[in-house]
Amino acid sequence: MRSDGPWDRAKVSHEEWVAARMKAAALERSAQRALDEIGADHPDRAERTRLLRFARELVRGVEEGDPETVALLLRTSTAG
């Protein structure tokens, strides 16, 4: 039985935590690709670097079981 995992700290089910983790990982991959597509002197480089940093913070928050980060990602899954 799973206990004391990041999903417990986030107060969500394991399945919900996995969904949030997958979303955060996809955002990180997308941000990395966007950064990789441009040269070092591209005017958008700093903005894309900030985006990647933010995406990595989301991944870290989910992995640590931060309730607010997980809730944010789960909320965006159902918005619309």
Protein backbone atom coordinates (compact mmCIF):
# COMPACT_ATOMS: atom_id res chain seq x y z
CA MET A 1 0.00 0.00 0.00
CA ARG A 2 1.26 3.46 -0.89
CA SER A 3 1.59 5.94 1.92
CA ASP A 4 3.38 9.17 2.65
CA GLY A 5 3.97 9.86 -1.01
CA PRO A 6 3.77 13.27 -2.66
CA TRP A 7 0.09 12.59 -3.44
CA ASP A 8 -0.55 12.23 0.31
CA ARG A 9 1.18 15.54 1.01
CA ALA A 10 -0.85 17.14 -1.80
CA LYS A 11 -4.03 15.55 -0.38
CA VAL A 12 -5.05 13.99 -3.71
CA SER A 13 -5.33 10.46 -5.01
CA HIS A 14 -2.33 8.81 -6.61
CA GLU A 15 -4.11 8.98 -9.97
CA GLU A 16 -4.73 12.71 -9.64
CA TRP A 17 -1.09 13.25 -8.66
CA VAL A 18 0.07 11.29 -11.71
CA ALA A 19 -2.16 13.44 -13.94
CA ALA A 20 -0.68 16.63 -12.44
CA ARG A 21 2.86 15.23 -12.82
CA MET A 22 2.26 14.35 -16.47
CA LYS A 23 0.91 17.82 -17.19
CA ALA A 24 3.87 19.49 -15.48
CA ALA A 25 6.32 17.26 -17.37
CA ALA A 26 4.62 18.08 -20.69
CA LEU A 27 4.89 21.80 -19.95
CA GLU A 28 8.57 21.36 -19.13
CA ARG A 29 9.22 19.44 -22.36
CA SER A 30 7.36 22.06 -24.41
CA ALA A 31 9.28 24.90 -22.80
CA GLN A 32 12.58 23.10 -23.39
CA ARG A 33 11.73 22.51 -27.05
CA ALA A 34 10.77 26.17 -27.49
CA LEU A 35 14.12 27.19 -26.05
CA ASP A 36 16.06 24.65 -28.11
CA GLU A 37 14.51 25.96 -31.35
CA ILE A 38 16.12 29.38 -31.13
CA GLY A 39 19.69 30.62 -31.18
CA ALA A 40 21.59 32.09 -28.26
CA ASP A 41 21.15 35.64 -29.58
CA HIS A 42 17.42 35.39 -30.30
CA PRO A 43 15.41 38.23 -28.71
CA ASP A 44 12.93 35.78 -27.12
CA ARG A 45 15.64 33.69 -25.45
CA ALA A 46 15.30 35.32 -22.02
CA GLU A 47 11.52 34.94 -22.03
CA ARG A 48 11.72 31.30 -23.06
CA THR A 49 14.35 30.67 -20.38
CA ARG A 50 11.99 32.14 -17.76
CA LEU A 51 9.20 29.91 -19.08
CA LEU A 52 11.41 26.84 -18.73
CA ARG A 53 12.39 27.85 -15.21
CA PHE A 54 8.71 28.22 -14.28
CA ALA A 55 7.86 24.83 -15.82
CA ARG A 56 10.66 23.21 -13.81
CA GLU A 57 9.29 24.81 -10.64
CA LEU A 58 5.91 23.25 -11.42
CA VAL A 59 7.51 19.82 -11.81
CA ARG A 60 9.39 20.26 -8.55
CA GLY A 61 6.23 21.38 -6.76
CA VAL A 62 4.32 18.32 -7.92
CA GLU A 63 7.18 15.99 -7.04
CA GLU A 64 7.35 17.50 -3.55
CA GLY A 65 3.59 17.18 -3.13
CA ASP A 66 2.87 20.89 -2.89
CA PRO A 67 -0.93 21.09 -2.57
CA GLU A 68 -1.24 24.45 -4.32
CA THR A 69 0.83 23.41 -7.33
CA VAL A 70 -1.01 20.13 -7.75
CA ALA A 71 -4.39 21.86 -7.37
CA LEU A 72 -3.42 24.46 -9.97
CA LEU A 73 -2.53 21.78 -12.51
CA LEU A 74 -5.62 19.73 -11.78
CA ARG A 75 -7.83 22.81 -11.99
CA THR A 76 -6.49 23.64 -15.44
CA SER A 77 -7.36 20.10 -16.54
CA THR A 78 -11.04 20.71 -15.91
CA ALA A 79 -11.29 24.39 -16.88
CA GLY A 80 -13.08 25.34 -20.02
